[in-house]
């Protein structure tokens, strides 16, 4: 994340109302999209794209960026739990990301560096997919 090293060590102000409203709207979309009886993950991912666009307009050295990044962590957690958990921990929180903790101040100091291991798709994975085929049924 481009701004973690620039986030203030101590967060001095609460999340702005504008970000709160946008995050609540996004959570509502995501919660609805991920319901088992009408699972529509593409809608949740689209709202994640909207959140990313919002973050591009924030200064990385601001309290707003901290709150935006915290919201980002909550939004990506259902899709990428390992990454979401690492960012949440770097922001100073001990447990898995949950919405009820969004407005809580960090319990631990901010970690300015996150080590991520990117897993690449290997040839072994590709060979497993080569044996799969899809043939539409005749109607």
Protein backbone atom coordinates (compact mmCIF):
# COMPACT_ATOMS: atom_id res chain seq x y z
CA UNK A 1 0.00 0.00 0.00
CA UNK A 2 1.50 3.27 -1.08
CA UNK A 3 0.71 5.29 2.03
CA UNK A 4 1.38 3.07 5.04
CA UNK A 5 4.84 4.56 5.68
CA UNK A 6 3.29 8.06 5.56
CA UNK A 7 0.33 7.48 7.88
CA UNK A 8 0.70 9.45 11.13
CA UNK A 9 1.99 7.32 14.02
CA UNK A 10 -0.91 8.48 16.18
CA UNK A 11 -4.40 8.84 14.72
CA UNK A 12 -5.75 12.07 16.18
CA UNK A 13 -9.15 12.43 14.56
CA UNK A 14 -12.11 10.14 14.02
CA UNK A 15 -13.27 9.00 10.61
CA UNK A 16 -14.97 11.80 8.67
CA UNK A 17 -18.71 11.50 8.14
CA UNK A 18 -18.27 11.46 4.37
CA UNK A 19 -16.08 8.33 4.56
CA UNK A 20 -18.41 6.77 7.15
CA UNK A 21 -21.42 7.12 4.84
CA UNK A 22 -19.56 5.78 1.82
CA UNK A 23 -18.22 2.84 3.79
CA UNK A 24 -21.65 1.99 5.20
CA UNK A 25 -23.12 2.07 1.68
CA UNK A 26 -20.34 -0.19 0.46
CA UNK A 27 -20.85 -2.64 3.34
CA UNK A 28 -24.57 -2.80 2.57
CA UNK A 29 -23.86 -3.61 -1.08
CA UNK A 30 -21.26 -6.19 -0.15
CA UNK A 31 -23.41 -7.82 2.53
CA UNK A 32 -26.29 -8.14 0.08
CA UNK A 33 -24.02 -9.45 -2.71
CA UNK A 34 -22.49 -12.17 -0.54
CA UNK A 35 -25.71 -13.72 0.77
CA UNK A 36 -25.81 -17.47 0.10
CA UNK A 37 -29.37 -17.41 -1.30
CA UNK A 38 -28.42 -14.86 -4.00
CA UNK A 39 -24.64 -14.90 -4.25
CA UNK A 40 -23.48 -12.07 -6.56
CA UNK A 41 -19.77 -11.52 -5.80
CA UNK A 42 -19.26 -9.38 -8.91
CA UNK A 43 -21.38 -6.66 -7.26
CA UNK A 44 -19.18 -6.74 -4.17
CA UNK A 45 -16.05 -6.50 -6.29
CA UNK A 46 -17.52 -3.54 -8.20
CA UNK A 47 -18.05 -1.69 -4.92
CA UNK A 48 -14.43 -2.46 -4.04
CA UNK A 49 -13.38 -0.70 -7.26
CA UNK A 50 -15.40 2.35 -6.19
CA UNK A 51 -13.58 2.36 -2.83
CA UNK A 52 -10.21 2.20 -4.61
CA UNK A 53 -11.11 5.25 -6.71
CA UNK A 54 -12.04 7.15 -3.54
CA UNK A 55 -8.63 6.32 -2.03
CA UNK A 56 -6.76 7.78 -5.01
CA UNK A 57 -7.94 11.26 -4.01
CA UNK A 58 -6.69 11.09 -0.41
CA UNK A 59 -3.34 12.29 0.88
CA UNK A 60 -1.35 9.27 2.12
CA UNK A 61 -0.08 11.21 5.15
CA UNK A 62 -3.55 12.04 6.46
CA UNK A 63 -5.84 10.57 9.08
CA UNK A 64 -8.37 10.10 6.27
CA UNK A 65 -5.99 7.70 4.52
CA UNK A 66 -5.74 5.62 7.70
CA UNK A 67 -9.54 5.34 7.88
CA UNK A 68 -9.78 4.66 4.15
CA UNK A 69 -7.17 1.89 4.42
CA UNK A 70 -8.97 0.44 7.41
CA UNK A 71 -12.20 0.39 5.39
CA UNK A 72 -10.33 -1.16 2.46
CA UNK A 73 -9.16 -3.93 4.78
CA UNK A 74 -12.72 -4.71 5.85
CA UNK A 75 -13.94 -4.69 2.27
CA UNK A 76 -11.27 -7.03 0.88
CA UNK A 77 -11.30 -9.44 3.83
CA UNK A 78 -14.09 -11.71 2.44
CA UNK A 79 -12.18 -12.03 -0.86
CA UNK A 80 -8.56 -11.94 0.34
CA UNK A 81 -8.50 -12.81 4.05
CA UNK A 82 -4.72 -13.19 4.31
CA UNK A 83 -4.01 -9.75 2.82
CA UNK A 84 -6.86 -8.15 4.78
CA UNK A 85 -5.58 -9.66 8.02
CA UNK A 86 -2.01 -8.46 7.40
CA UNK A 87 -3.08 -4.89 6.71
CA UNK A 88 -5.45 -4.92 9.72
CA UNK A 89 -2.60 -6.09 11.94
CA UNK A 90 -0.24 -3.45 10.48
CA UNK A 91 -2.83 -0.78 11.33
CA UNK A 92 -2.58 -1.79 14.99
CA UNK A 93 -5.38 -4.31 15.54
CA UNK A 94 -5.02 -7.74 17.10
CA UNK A 95 -7.86 -9.87 15.76
CA UNK A 96 -9.46 -10.48 12.37
CA UNK A 97 -11.10 -7.46 10.70
CA UNK A 98 -14.72 -6.93 11.79
CA UNK A 99 -17.09 -4.05 11.12
CA UNK A 100 -17.85 -3.54 14.81
CA UNK A 101 -14.20 -2.54 15.39
CA UNK A 102 -14.11 -0.01 12.58
CA UNK A 103 -14.37 3.10 14.78
CA UNK A 104 -12.09 1.74 17.52
CA UNK A 105 -8.66 3.32 17.88
CA UNK A 106 -5.68 0.99 17.25
CA UNK A 107 -4.63 -1.17 20.21
CA UNK A 108 -1.01 -1.53 19.02
CA UNK A 109 1.50 0.76 17.30
CA UNK A 110 1.25 1.15 13.55
CA UNK A 111 3.61 -1.09 11.56
CA UNK A 112 5.12 0.93 8.75
CA UNK A 113 6.21 -2.10 6.73
CA UNK A 114 4.20 -5.12 5.59
CA UNK A 115 5.84 -8.21 4.17
CA UNK A 116 3.67 -9.92 1.59
CA UNK A 117 4.32 -13.19 -0.15
CA UNK A 118 2.78 -13.27 -3.58
CA UNK A 119 1.86 -16.73 -4.78
CA UNK A 120 2.20 -17.23 -8.49
CA UNK A 121 0.18 -19.64 -10.57
CA UNK A 122 2.56 -22.47 -11.33
CA UNK A 123 2.84 -24.87 -14.21
CA UNK A 124 1.45 -27.59 -11.93
CA UNK A 125 -1.71 -25.57 -11.43
CA UNK A 126 -2.04 -24.97 -15.15
CA UNK A 127 -1.73 -28.68 -15.91
CA UNK A 128 -4.68 -29.41 -13.64
CA UNK A 129 -6.88 -27.05 -15.62
CA UNK A 130 -5.84 -28.52 -18.95
CA UNK A 131 -7.86 -31.66 -18.27
CA UNK A 132 -11.05 -29.71 -17.66
CA UNK A 133 -13.44 -28.97 -20.45
CA UNK A 134 -16.81 -27.36 -20.72
CA UNK A 135 -19.34 -28.49 -23.24
CA UNK A 136 -22.73 -26.83 -23.27
CA UNK A 137 -25.64 -29.22 -23.21
CA UNK A 138 -27.86 -29.31 -26.24
CA UNK A 139 -31.25 -27.74 -25.64
